[in-house]
Structures are given as structure tokens and as C-alpha cells.
Amino acid sequence: MNIDLSPDNILDITSGSMFWVRPAALKPLLDLNLSIDHFPAEYGQLDGTLAHAIERLFLFVCEKAGFTWAKVTHMSFITPDYPVVRIYSKYDIDAFMTEHRFDLLRAPRSSN
């Protein structure tokens, strides 16, 4: 997919049990034309399979396809040290997405 996963870049993944995505945002992944034969049998592996790699790439694939992403959750799932922006309306979301773009593919991690 020509996605550079540099150790200098921020790493983030989808979390939780569900997410919404536009089909076009998954185009780089879908263009790989993976079939069931590309995936090993399920034996309770905890890491290291193609499926594990794909589940960690959704945000990167989204950016590669030219889309942006945002994590949305209920306050009860946030730890005290996690940065939070409260959203009360559609306009709050639009303003936040305009002012804060997460760019995992190009934004180097802060050295602070």
C-alpha cells in the first residue's frame, strides 16, 4: 500500500468493538485483493498475523485514501490522563475537525 510506518511518526489504532468507515476510505486495503487464503487458520494467536496487522492499519489506510478520522467515545471509557474535547453539536465536530487534523502518515512525533 506504500504506507511508511516510521518510528518517528505517531501511532494510533481504532479501538473498541466497532467503527464506521466510508468504503472509499478502505480502497488501499481493498485494492490488495486479499482472499481467505492469505490468512492463517485461527488457533488463538494473540499477535503476529496478517489479520492483526490489518486491524492496526485502518487509520493509516483511511489517510492513504485521502480521508480524515476521529475517535468518538463516551466519557465513561476515558482514562483521566486522556485528552478530551467535549462535543455538543454537529458544529462542534466541524470546528474540531477543521482545527485539529490527525495525520499519522506525515506528522512526526513531538520530541517533548
PDB file of N, CA and C in Angstrom:
ATOM      1  N   MET A   1       0.822  -1.191   0.000  1.00  0.00           N
ATOM      2  CA  MET A   1       0.000   0.000   0.000  1.00  0.00           C
ATOM      3  C   MET A   1       0.863   1.250   0.000  1.00  0.00           C
ATOM      4  N   ASN A   2       2.174   1.071   0.059  1.00  0.00           N
ATOM      5  CA  ASN A   2       3.107   2.199   0.114  1.00  0.00           C
ATOM      6  C   ASN A   2       2.820   3.119   1.290  1.00  0.00           C
ATOM      7  N   ILE A   3       2.619   2.542   2.435  1.00  0.00           N
ATOM      8  CA  ILE A   3       2.431   3.288   3.681  1.00  0.00           C
ATOM      9  C   ILE A   3       3.700   3.140   4.494  1.00  0.00           C
ATOM     10  N   ASP A   4       4.343   4.261   4.782  1.00  0.00           N
ATOM     11  CA  ASP A   4       5.579   4.258   5.549  1.00  0.00           C
ATOM     12  C   ASP A   4       5.245   4.351   7.030  1.00  0.00           C
ATOM     13  N   LEU A   5       5.518   3.302   7.781  1.00  0.00           N
ATOM     14  CA  LEU A   5       5.293   3.291   9.222  1.00  0.00           C
ATOM     15  C   LEU A   5       6.616   3.580   9.919  1.00  0.00           C
ATOM     16  N   SER A   6       6.959   4.835   9.942  1.00  0.00           N
ATOM     17  CA  SER A   6       8.215   5.275  10.523  1.00  0.00           C
ATOM     18  C   SER A   6       8.124   5.299  12.049  1.00  0.00           C
ATOM     19  N   PRO A   7       9.195   4.928  12.746  1.00  0.00           N
ATOM     20  CA  PRO A   7       9.198   5.030  14.210  1.00  0.00           C
ATOM     21  C   PRO A   7       9.124   6.478  14.689  1.00  0.00           C
ATOM     22  N   ASP A   8       9.343   7.443  13.787  1.00  0.00           N
ATOM     23  CA  ASP A   8       9.256   8.858  14.148  1.00  0.00           C
ATOM     24  C   ASP A   8       7.829   9.392  14.063  1.00  0.00           C
ATOM     25  N   ASN A   9       6.918   8.610  13.518  1.00  0.00           N
ATOM     26  CA  ASN A   9       5.538   9.054  13.377  1.00  0.00           C
ATOM     27  C   ASN A   9       4.690   8.599  14.564  1.00  0.00           C
ATOM     28  N   ILE A  10       3.594   9.286  14.764  1.00  0.00           N
ATOM     29  CA  ILE A  10       2.629   8.919  15.803  1.00  0.00           C
ATOM     30  C   ILE A  10       1.969   7.606  15.412  1.00  0.00           C
ATOM     31  N   LEU A  11       1.688   6.756  16.371  1.00  0.00           N
ATOM     32  CA  LEU A  11       0.990   5.505  16.128  1.00  0.00           C
ATOM     33  C   LEU A  11      -0.349   5.553  16.849  1.00  0.00           C
ATOM     34  N   ASP A  12      -1.405   5.286  16.130  1.00  0.00           N
ATOM     35  CA  ASP A  12      -2.729   5.211  16.736  1.00  0.00           C
ATOM     36  C   ASP A  12      -3.515   4.145  15.989  1.00  0.00           C
ATOM     37  N   ILE A  13      -4.459   3.533  16.656  1.00  0.00           N
ATOM     38  CA  ILE A  13      -5.277   2.483  16.045  1.00  0.00           C
ATOM     39  C   ILE A  13      -6.730   2.702  16.417  1.00  0.00           C
ATOM     40  N   THR A  14      -7.617   2.062  15.640  1.00  0.00           N
ATOM     41  CA  THR A  14      -9.015   2.061  16.027  1.00  0.00           C
ATOM     42  C   THR A  14      -9.113   1.266  17.319  1.00  0.00           C
ATOM     43  N   SER A  15     -10.023   1.647  18.172  1.00  0.00           N
ATOM     44  CA  SER A  15     -10.171   0.916  19.432  1.00  0.00           C
ATOM     45  C   SER A  15     -11.650   0.722  19.712  1.00  0.00           C
ATOM     46  N   GLY A  16     -11.944  -0.265  20.507  1.00  0.00           N
ATOM     47  CA  GLY A  16     -13.334  -0.595  20.774  1.00  0.00           C
ATOM     48  C   GLY A  16     -13.766  -1.741  19.884  1.00  0.00           C
ATOM     49  N   SER A  17     -15.031  -1.992  19.868  1.00  0.00           N
ATOM     50  CA  SER A  17     -15.521  -3.141  19.124  1.00  0.00           C
ATOM     51  C   SER A  17     -16.191  -2.770  17.808  1.00  0.00           C
ATOM     52  N   MET A  18     -16.254  -1.474  17.487  1.00  0.00           N
ATOM     53  CA  MET A  18     -16.961  -1.068  16.284  1.00  0.00           C
ATOM     54  C   MET A  18     -16.421   0.267  15.787  1.00  0.00           C
ATOM     55  N   PHE A  19     -16.458   0.449  14.474  1.00  0.00           N
ATOM     56  CA  PHE A  19     -16.146   1.756  13.913  1.00  0.00           C
ATOM     57  C   PHE A  19     -16.891   1.910  12.605  1.00  0.00           C
ATOM     58  N   TRP A  20     -17.106   3.173  12.220  1.00  0.00           N
ATOM     59  CA  TRP A  20     -17.734   3.500  10.942  1.00  0.00           C
ATOM     60  C   TRP A  20     -16.652   3.937   9.981  1.00  0.00           C
ATOM     61  N   VAL A  21     -16.835   3.578   8.734  1.00  0.00           N
ATOM     62  CA  VAL A  21     -15.863   3.979   7.719  1.00  0.00           C
ATOM     63  C   VAL A  21     -16.570   4.049   6.366  1.00  0.00           C
ATOM     64  N   ARG A  22     -16.174   5.029   5.570  1.00  0.00           N
ATOM     65  CA  ARG A  22     -16.663   5.077   4.194  1.00  0.00           C
ATOM     66  C   ARG A  22     -15.933   3.982   3.410  1.00  0.00           C
ATOM     67  N   PRO A  23     -16.626   3.232   2.587  1.00  0.00           N
ATOM     68  CA  PRO A  23     -15.942   2.184   1.811  1.00  0.00           C
ATOM     69  C   PRO A  23     -14.749   2.718   1.021  1.00  0.00           C
ATOM     70  N   ALA A  24     -14.860   3.936   0.489  1.00  0.00           N
ATOM     71  CA  ALA A  24     -13.752   4.509  -0.287  1.00  0.00           C
ATOM     72  C   ALA A  24     -12.512   4.723   0.566  1.00  0.00           C
ATOM     73  N   ALA A  25     -12.683   4.891   1.869  1.00  0.00           N
ATOM     74  CA  ALA A  25     -11.536   5.089   2.762  1.00  0.00           C
ATOM     75  C   ALA A  25     -10.729   3.803   2.919  1.00  0.00           C
ATOM     76  N   LEU A  26     -11.311   2.671   2.592  1.00  0.00           N
ATOM     77  CA  LEU A  26     -10.599   1.394   2.687  1.00  0.00           C
ATOM     78  C   LEU A  26     -10.032   0.940   1.340  1.00  0.00           C
ATOM     79  N   LYS A  27     -10.135   1.791   0.329  1.00  0.00           N
ATOM     80  CA  LYS A  27      -9.699   1.404  -1.011  1.00  0.00           C
ATOM     81  C   LYS A  27      -8.262   0.874  -1.071  1.00  0.00           C
ATOM     82  N   PRO A  28      -7.291   1.514  -0.420  1.00  0.00           N
ATOM     83  CA  PRO A  28      -5.930   0.946  -0.492  1.00  0.00           C
ATOM     84  C   PRO A  28      -5.860  -0.491   0.037  1.00  0.00           C
ATOM     85  N   LEU A  29      -6.618  -0.786   1.052  1.00  0.00           N
ATOM     86  CA  LEU A  29      -6.645  -2.149   1.595  1.00  0.00           C
ATOM     87  C   LEU A  29      -7.402  -3.090   0.655  1.00  0.00           C
ATOM     88  N   LEU A  30      -8.551  -2.640   0.171  1.00  0.00           N
ATOM     89  CA  LEU A  30      -9.345  -3.467  -0.730  1.00  0.00           C
ATOM     90  C   LEU A  30      -8.613  -3.743  -2.028  1.00  0.00           C
ATOM     91  N   ASP A  31      -7.792  -2.791  -2.477  1.00  0.00           N
ATOM     92  CA  ASP A  31      -7.030  -2.974  -3.718  1.00  0.00           C
ATOM     93  C   ASP A  31      -5.961  -4.064  -3.618  1.00  0.00           C
ATOM     94  N   LEU A  32      -5.683  -4.530  -2.407  1.00  0.00           N
ATOM     95  CA  LEU A  32      -4.729  -5.635  -2.243  1.00  0.00           C
ATOM     96  C   LEU A  32      -5.322  -6.967  -2.711  1.00  0.00           C
ATOM     97  N   ASN A  33      -6.661  -6.970  -2.850  1.00  0.00           N
ATOM     98  CA  ASN A  33      -7.359  -8.180  -3.302  1.00  0.00           C
ATOM     99  C   ASN A  33      -7.011  -9.403  -2.462  1.00  0.00           C
ATOM    100  N   LEU A  34      -7.005  -9.215  -1.158  1.00  0.00           N
ATOM    101  CA  LEU A  34      -6.723 -10.330  -0.262  1.00  0.00           C
ATOM    102  C   LEU A  34      -7.881 -11.321  -0.293  1.00  0.00           C
ATOM    103  N   SER A  35      -7.550 -12.568  -0.157  1.00  0.00           N
ATOM    104  CA  SER A  35      -8.573 -13.617  -0.078  1.00  0.00           C
ATOM    105  C   SER A  35      -8.377 -14.372   1.230  1.00  0.00           C
ATOM    106  N   ILE A  36      -9.281 -15.244   1.530  1.00  0.00           N
ATOM    107  CA  ILE A  36      -9.198 -16.050   2.754  1.00  0.00           C
ATOM    108  C   ILE A  36      -7.894 -16.846   2.792  1.00  0.00           C
ATOM    109  N   ASP A  37      -7.353 -17.160   1.618  1.00  0.00           N
ATOM    110  CA  ASP A  37      -6.106 -17.932   1.549  1.00  0.00           C
ATOM    111  C   ASP A  37      -4.896 -17.159   2.063  1.00  0.00           C
ATOM    112  N   HIS A  38      -5.005 -15.834   2.162  1.00  0.00           N
ATOM    113  CA  HIS A  38      -3.903 -15.020   2.685  1.00  0.00           C
ATOM    114  C   HIS A  38      -3.829 -15.052   4.213  1.00  0.00           C
ATOM    115  N   PHE A  39      -4.857 -15.581   4.853  1.00  0.00           N
ATOM    116  CA  PHE A  39      -4.932 -15.560   6.314  1.00  0.00           C
ATOM    117  C   PHE A  39      -4.713 -16.957   6.869  1.00  0.00           C
ATOM    118  N   PRO A  40      -3.873 -17.059   7.918  1.00  0.00           N
ATOM    119  CA  PRO A  40      -3.653 -18.378   8.518  1.00  0.00           C
ATOM    120  C   PRO A  40      -4.891 -18.836   9.284  1.00  0.00           C
ATOM    121  N   ALA A  41      -4.957 -20.111   9.541  1.00  0.00           N
ATOM    122  CA  ALA A  41      -6.049 -20.656  10.349  1.00  0.00           C
ATOM    123  C   ALA A  41      -6.015 -20.019  11.739  1.00  0.00           C
ATOM    124  N   GLU A  42      -7.168 -19.874  12.346  1.00  0.00           N
ATOM    125  CA  GLU A  42      -7.272 -19.263  13.679  1.00  0.00           C
ATOM    126  C   GLU A  42      -6.997 -20.319  14.743  1.00  0.00           C
ATOM    127  N   TYR A  43      -5.909 -20.109  15.474  1.00  0.00           N
ATOM    128  CA  TYR A  43      -5.529 -21.006  16.572  1.00  0.00           C
ATOM    129  C   TYR A  43      -5.370 -20.232  17.863  1.00  0.00           C
ATOM    130  N   GLY A  44      -6.073 -19.100  17.982  1.00  0.00           N
ATOM    131  CA  GLY A  44      -5.971 -18.308  19.201  1.00  0.00           C
ATOM    132  C   GLY A  44      -4.726 -17.445  19.263  1.00  0.00           C
ATOM    133  N   GLN A  45      -4.118 -17.131  18.111  1.00  0.00           N
ATOM    134  CA  GLN A  45      -2.929 -16.288  18.091  1.00  0.00           C
ATOM    135  C   GLN A  45      -3.260 -14.934  18.724  1.00  0.00           C
ATOM    136  N   LEU A  46      -2.342 -14.404  19.487  1.00  0.00           N
ATOM    137  CA  LEU A  46      -2.542 -13.111  20.131  1.00  0.00           C
ATOM    138  C   LEU A  46      -1.953 -11.963  19.328  1.00  0.00           C
ATOM    139  N   ASP A  47      -1.042 -12.267  18.401  1.00  0.00           N
ATOM    140  CA  ASP A  47      -0.397 -11.220  17.620  1.00  0.00           C
ATOM    141  C   ASP A  47       0.381 -11.880  16.488  1.00  0.00           C
ATOM    142  N   GLY A  48       0.815 -11.051  15.540  1.00  0.00           N
ATOM    143  CA  GLY A  48       1.739 -11.522  14.524  1.00  0.00           C
ATOM    144  C   GLY A  48       1.114 -12.067  13.251  1.00  0.00           C
ATOM    145  N   THR A  49      -0.200 -12.005  13.107  1.00  0.00           N
ATOM    146  CA  THR A  49      -0.811 -12.499  11.882  1.00  0.00           C
ATOM    147  C   THR A  49      -1.179 -11.328  10.975  1.00  0.00           C
ATOM    148  N   LEU A  50      -1.509 -11.636   9.742  1.00  0.00           N
ATOM    149  CA  LEU A  50      -1.952 -10.616   8.798  1.00  0.00           C
ATOM    150  C   LEU A  50      -3.201  -9.909   9.328  1.00  0.00           C
ATOM    151  N   ALA A  51      -4.113 -10.647   9.932  1.00  0.00           N
ATOM    152  CA  ALA A  51      -5.331 -10.043  10.488  1.00  0.00           C
ATOM    153  C   ALA A  51      -4.987  -9.021  11.569  1.00  0.00           C
ATOM    154  N   HIS A  52      -4.015  -9.321  12.421  1.00  0.00           N
ATOM    155  CA  HIS A  52      -3.602  -8.373  13.457  1.00  0.00           C
ATOM    156  C   HIS A  52      -2.997  -7.117  12.833  1.00  0.00           C
ATOM    157  N   ALA A  53      -2.217  -7.284  11.778  1.00  0.00           N
ATOM    158  CA  ALA A  53      -1.619  -6.124  11.108  1.00  0.00           C
ATOM    159  C   ALA A  53      -2.707  -5.245  10.493  1.00  0.00           C
ATOM    160  N   ILE A  54      -3.670  -5.863   9.838  1.00  0.00           N
ATOM    161  CA  ILE A  54      -4.740  -5.095   9.195  1.00  0.00           C
ATOM    162  C   ILE A  54      -5.550  -4.326  10.226  1.00  0.00           C
ATOM    163  N   GLU A  55      -5.874  -4.952  11.348  1.00  0.00           N
ATOM    164  CA  GLU A  55      -6.707  -4.248  12.336  1.00  0.00           C
ATOM    165  C   GLU A  55      -5.990  -3.033  12.910  1.00  0.00           C
ATOM    166  N   ARG A  56      -4.668  -2.994  12.810  1.00  0.00           N
ATOM    167  CA  ARG A  56      -3.899  -1.850  13.309  1.00  0.00           C
ATOM    168  C   ARG A  56      -3.635  -0.804  12.227  1.00  0.00           C
ATOM    169  N   LEU A  57      -4.037  -1.078  11.005  1.00  0.00           N
ATOM    170  CA  LEU A  57      -3.759  -0.171   9.891  1.00  0.00           C
ATOM    171  C   LEU A  57      -4.953   0.654   9.427  1.00  0.00           C
ATOM    172  N   PHE A  58      -6.131   0.468   9.977  1.00  0.00           N
ATOM    173  CA  PHE A  58      -7.322   1.134   9.444  1.00  0.00           C
ATOM    174  C   PHE A  58      -7.174   2.654   9.370  1.00  0.00           C
ATOM    175  N   LEU A  59      -6.628   3.296  10.393  1.00  0.00           N
ATOM    176  CA  LEU A  59      -6.486   4.753  10.369  1.00  0.00           C
ATOM    177  C   LEU A  59      -5.470   5.187   9.315  1.00  0.00           C
ATOM    178  N   PHE A  60      -4.400   4.425   9.157  1.00  0.00           N
ATOM    179  CA  PHE A  60      -3.387   4.734   8.153  1.00  0.00           C
ATOM    180  C   PHE A  60      -3.951   4.564   6.741  1.00  0.00           C
ATOM    181  N   VAL A  61      -4.720   3.500   6.537  1.00  0.00           N
ATOM    182  CA  VAL A  61      -5.345   3.254   5.240  1.00  0.00           C
ATOM    183  C   VAL A  61      -6.314   4.385   4.909  1.00  0.00           C
ATOM    184  N   CYS A  62      -7.075   4.812   5.900  1.00  0.00           N
ATOM    185  CA  CYS A  62      -8.010   5.926   5.728  1.00  0.00           C
ATOM    186  C   CYS A  62      -7.269   7.173   5.246  1.00  0.00           C
ATOM    187  N   GLU A  63      -6.172   7.515   5.896  1.00  0.00           N
ATOM    188  CA  GLU A  63      -5.383   8.676   5.485  1.00  0.00           C
ATOM    189  C   GLU A  63      -4.788   8.486   4.090  1.00  0.00           C
ATOM    190  N   LYS A  64      -4.300   7.286   3.812  1.00  0.00           N
ATOM    191  CA  LYS A  64      -3.716   6.998   2.498  1.00  0.00           C
ATOM    192  C   LYS A  64      -4.744   7.247   1.392  1.00  0.00           C
ATOM    193  N   ALA A  65      -6.022   6.964   1.682  1.00  0.00           N
ATOM    194  CA  ALA A  65      -7.092   7.165   0.701  1.00  0.00           C
ATOM    195  C   ALA A  65      -7.555   8.621   0.640  1.00  0.00           C
ATOM    196  N   GLY A  66      -6.964   9.493   1.479  1.00  0.00           N
ATOM    197  CA  GLY A  66      -7.290  10.910   1.432  1.00  0.00           C
ATOM    198  C   GLY A  66      -8.382  11.345   2.402  1.00  0.00           C
ATOM    199  N   PHE A  67      -8.728  10.500   3.346  1.00  0.00           N
ATOM    200  CA  PHE A  67      -9.769  10.822   4.317  1.00  0.00           C
ATOM    201  C   PHE A  67      -9.149  11.175   5.669  1.00  0.00           C
ATOM    202  N   THR A  68      -9.948  11.753   6.529  1.00  0.00           N
ATOM    203  CA  THR A  68      -9.539  12.030   7.901  1.00  0.00           C
ATOM    204  C   THR A  68     -10.324  11.131   8.832  1.00  0.00           C
ATOM    205  N   TRP A  69      -9.925  11.113  10.092  1.00  0.00           N
ATOM    206  CA  TRP A  69     -10.592  10.255  11.067  1.00  0.00           C
ATOM    207  C   TRP A  69     -10.658  10.967  12.406  1.00  0.00           C
ATOM    208  N   ALA A  70     -11.538  10.479  13.253  1.00  0.00           N
ATOM    209  CA  ALA A  70     -11.655  10.994  14.620  1.00  0.00           C
ATOM    210  C   ALA A  70     -12.166   9.872  15.505  1.00  0.00           C
ATOM    211  N   LYS A  71     -11.677   9.825  16.718  1.00  0.00           N
ATOM    212  CA  LYS A  71     -12.183   8.865  17.700  1.00  0.00           C
ATOM    213  C   LYS A  71     -13.286   9.534  18.497  1.00  0.00           C
ATOM    214  N   VAL A  72     -14.377   8.830  18.686  1.00  0.00           N
ATOM    215  CA  VAL A  72     -15.513   9.326  19.455  1.00  0.00           C
ATOM    216  C   VAL A  72     -15.865   8.258  20.478  1.00  0.00           C
ATOM    217  N   THR A  73     -16.051   8.674  21.719  1.00  0.00           N
ATOM    218  CA  THR A  73     -16.373   7.702  22.755  1.00  0.00           C
ATOM    219  C   THR A  73     -17.205   8.344  23.848  1.00  0.00           C
ATOM    220  N   HIS A  74     -17.757   7.537  24.675  1.00  0.00           N
ATOM    221  CA  HIS A  74     -18.498   8.005  25.844  1.00  0.00           C
ATOM    222  C   HIS A  74     -17.487   8.312  26.946  1.00  0.00           C
ATOM    223  N   MET A  75     -17.773   9.323  27.736  1.00  0.00           N
ATOM    224  CA  MET A  75     -16.849   9.759  28.790  1.00  0.00           C
ATOM    225  C   MET A  75     -16.485   8.634  29.770  1.00  0.00           C
ATOM    226  N   SER A  76     -17.364   7.675  29.959  1.00  0.00           N
ATOM    227  CA  SER A  76     -17.085   6.602  30.920  1.00  0.00           C
ATOM    228  C   SER A  76     -15.927   5.706  30.472  1.00  0.00           C
ATOM    229  N   PHE A  77     -15.540   5.794  29.198  1.00  0.00           N
ATOM    230  CA  PHE A  77     -14.454   4.961  28.689  1.00  0.00           C
ATOM    231  C   PHE A  77     -13.110   5.674  28.649  1.00  0.00           C
ATOM    232  N   ILE A  78     -13.063   6.914  29.089  1.00  0.00           N
ATOM    233  CA  ILE A  78     -11.842   7.716  29.030  1.00  0.00           C
ATOM    234  C   ILE A  78     -11.093   7.640  30.354  1.00  0.00           C
ATOM    235  N   THR A  79      -9.782   7.455  30.262  1.00  0.00           N
ATOM    236  CA  THR A  79      -8.960   7.495  31.465  1.00  0.00           C
ATOM    237  C   THR A  79      -8.666   8.952  31.807  1.00  0.00           C
ATOM    238  N   PRO A  80      -8.380   9.250  33.068  1.00  0.00           N
ATOM    239  CA  PRO A  80      -8.178  10.644  33.486  1.00  0.00           C
ATOM    240  C   PRO A  80      -7.079  11.388  32.740  1.00  0.00           C
ATOM    241  N   ASP A  81      -6.065  10.691  32.244  1.00  0.00           N
ATOM    242  CA  ASP A  81      -4.947  11.359  31.571  1.00  0.00           C
ATOM    243  C   ASP A  81      -5.150  11.518  30.067  1.00  0.00           C
ATOM    244  N   TYR A  82      -6.275  11.065  29.529  1.00  0.00           N
ATOM    245  CA  TYR A  82      -6.529  11.126  28.096  1.00  0.00           C
ATOM    246  C   TYR A  82      -7.123  12.481  27.721  1.00  0.00           C
ATOM    247  N   PRO A  83      -6.580  13.165  26.692  1.00  0.00           N
ATOM    248  CA  PRO A  83      -7.137  14.473  26.315  1.00  0.00           C
ATOM    249  C   PRO A  83      -8.543  14.321  25.748  1.00  0.00           C
ATOM    250  N   VAL A  84      -9.439  15.199  26.173  1.00  0.00           N
ATOM    251  CA  VAL A  84     -10.841  15.107  25.784  1.00  0.00           C
ATOM    252  C   VAL A  84     -11.326  16.453  25.260  1.00  0.00           C
ATOM    253  N   VAL A  85     -12.103  16.414  24.202  1.00  0.00           N
ATOM    254  CA  VAL A  85     -12.800  17.591  23.694  1.00  0.00           C
ATOM    255  C   VAL A  85     -14.284  17.240  23.728  1.00  0.00           C
ATOM    256  N   ARG A  86     -15.047  18.000  24.473  1.00  0.00           N
ATOM    257  CA  ARG A  86     -16.481  17.739  24.558  1.00  0.00           C
ATOM    258  C   ARG A  86     -17.166  18.304  23.309  1.00  0.00           C
ATOM    259  N   ILE A  87     -18.051  17.497  22.754  1.00  0.00           N
ATOM    260  CA  ILE A  87     -18.784  17.864  21.550  1.00  0.00           C
ATOM    261  C   ILE A  87     -20.268  17.908  21.910  1.00  0.00           C
ATOM    262  N   TYR A  88     -20.881  19.046  21.654  1.00  0.00           N
ATOM    263  CA  TYR A  88     -22.292  19.213  21.987  1.00  0.00           C
ATOM    264  C   TYR A  88     -23.184  19.317  20.748  1.00  0.00           C
ATOM    265  N   SER A  89     -22.584  19.550  19.578  1.00  0.00           N
ATOM    266  CA  SER A  89     -23.395  19.688  18.373  1.00  0.00           C
ATOM    267  C   SER A  89     -22.565  19.327  17.147  1.00  0.00           C
ATOM    268  N   LYS A  90     -23.232  19.227  16.019  1.00  0.00           N
ATOM    269  CA  LYS A  90     -22.566  18.977  14.742  1.00  0.00           C
ATOM    270  C   LYS A  90     -21.532  20.067  14.461  1.00  0.00           C
ATOM    271  N   TYR A  91     -21.832  21.276  14.855  1.00  0.00           N
ATOM    272  CA  TYR A  91     -20.922  22.395  14.600  1.00  0.00           C
ATOM    273  C   TYR A  91     -19.639  22.256  15.407  1.00  0.00           C
ATOM    274  N   ASP A  92     -19.736  21.692  16.600  1.00  0.00           N
ATOM    275  CA  ASP A  92     -18.542  21.438  17.407  1.00  0.00           C
ATOM    276  C   ASP A  92     -17.627  20.434  16.703  1.00  0.00           C
ATOM    277  N   ILE A  93     -18.216  19.422  16.100  1.00  0.00           N
ATOM    278  CA  ILE A  93     -17.423  18.423  15.375  1.00  0.00           C
ATOM    279  C   ILE A  93     -16.732  19.075  14.180  1.00  0.00           C
ATOM    280  N   ASP A  94     -17.499  19.847  13.405  1.00  0.00           N
ATOM    281  CA  ASP A  94     -16.916  20.513  12.235  1.00  0.00           C
ATOM    282  C   ASP A  94     -15.760  21.425  12.635  1.00  0.00           C
ATOM    283  N   ALA A  95     -15.954  22.210  13.699  1.00  0.00           N
ATOM    284  CA  ALA A  95     -14.898  23.131  14.154  1.00  0.00           C
ATOM    285  C   ALA A  95     -13.676  22.353  14.613  1.00  0.00           C
ATOM    286  N   PHE A  96     -13.890  21.291  15.359  1.00  0.00           N
ATOM    287  CA  PHE A  96     -12.767  20.496  15.846  1.00  0.00           C
ATOM    288  C   PHE A  96     -11.990  19.880  14.688  1.00  0.00           C
ATOM    289  N   MET A  97     -12.686  19.293  13.725  1.00  0.00           N
ATOM    290  CA  MET A  97     -12.014  18.644  12.603  1.00  0.00           C
ATOM    291  C   MET A  97     -11.279  19.651  11.719  1.00  0.00           C
ATOM    292  N   THR A  98     -11.770  20.881  11.668  1.00  0.00           N
ATOM    293  CA  THR A  98     -11.096  21.919  10.903  1.00  0.00           C
ATOM    294  C   THR A  98      -9.815  22.362  11.602  1.00  0.00           C
ATOM    295  N   GLU A  99      -9.871  22.488  12.915  1.00  0.00           N
ATOM    296  CA  GLU A  99      -8.733  22.991  13.682  1.00  0.00           C
ATOM    297  C   GLU A  99      -7.696  21.926  14.006  1.00  0.00           C
ATOM    298  N   HIS A 100      -8.115  20.670  14.125  1.00  0.00           N
ATOM    299  CA  HIS A 100      -7.222  19.593  14.568  1.00  0.00           C
ATOM    300  C   HIS A 100      -7.296  18.434  13.595  1.00  0.00           C
ATOM    301  N   ARG A 101      -6.273  18.294  12.820  1.00  0.00           N
ATOM    302  CA  ARG A 101      -6.222  17.160  11.907  1.00  0.00           C
ATOM    303  C   ARG A 101      -5.132  16.212  12.382  1.00  0.00           C
ATOM    304  N   PHE A 102      -5.491  14.970  12.576  1.00  0.00           N
ATOM    305  CA  PHE A 102      -4.519  13.955  12.944  1.00  0.00           C
ATOM    306  C   PHE A 102      -3.974  13.382  11.654  1.00  0.00           C
ATOM    307  N   ASP A 103      -2.681  13.401  11.494  1.00  0.00           N
ATOM    308  CA  ASP A 103      -2.054  12.976  10.258  1.00  0.00           C
ATOM    309  C   ASP A 103      -0.964  11.971  10.600  1.00  0.00           C
ATOM    310  N   LEU A 104      -1.342  10.732  10.763  1.00  0.00           N
ATOM    311  CA  LEU A 104      -0.408   9.694  11.191  1.00  0.00           C
ATOM    312  C   LEU A 104       0.688   9.431  10.165  1.00  0.00           C
ATOM    313  N   LEU A 105       0.389   9.636   8.915  1.00  0.00           N
ATOM    314  CA  LEU A 105       1.368   9.316   7.859  1.00  0.00           C
ATOM    315  C   LEU A 105       2.441  10.374   7.693  1.00  0.00           C
ATOM    316  N   ARG A 106       2.156  11.612   8.108  1.00  0.00           N
ATOM    317  CA  ARG A 106       3.117  12.679   7.848  1.00  0.00           C
ATOM    318  C   ARG A 106       3.586  13.434   9.072  1.00  0.00           C
ATOM    319  N   ALA A 107       2.878  13.349  10.163  1.00  0.00           N
ATOM    320  CA  ALA A 107       3.203  14.170  11.345  1.00  0.00           C
ATOM    321  C   ALA A 107       4.237  13.475  12.210  1.00  0.00           C
ATOM    322  N   PRO A 108       5.434  14.021  12.285  1.00  0.00           N
ATOM    323  CA  PRO A 108       6.428  13.418  13.184  1.00  0.00           C
ATOM    324  C   PRO A 108       6.008  13.610  14.637  1.00  0.00           C
ATOM    325  N   ARG A 109       6.355  12.655  15.422  1.00  0.00           N
ATOM    326  CA  ARG A 109       6.075  12.706  16.850  1.00  0.00           C
ATOM    327  C   ARG A 109       6.820  13.852  17.494  1.00  0.00           C
ATOM    328  N   SER A 110       6.192  14.493  18.445  1.00  0.00           N
ATOM    329  CA  SER A 110       6.832  15.595  19.170  1.00  0.00           C
ATOM    330  C   SER A 110       8.010  15.053  19.962  1.00  0.00           C
ATOM    331  N   SER A 111       9.087  15.819  20.020  1.00  0.00           N
ATOM    332  CA  SER A 111      10.257  15.388  20.798  1.00  0.00           C
ATOM    333  C   SER A 111      10.143  15.775  22.254  1.00  0.00           C
ATOM    334  N   ASN A 112       9.043  16.440  22.655  1.00  0.00           N
ATOM    335  CA  ASN A 112       8.869  16.843  24.056  1.00  0.00           C
ATOM    336  C   ASN A 112       8.360  15.719  24.906  1.00  0.00           C
TER     337      ASN A 112
END
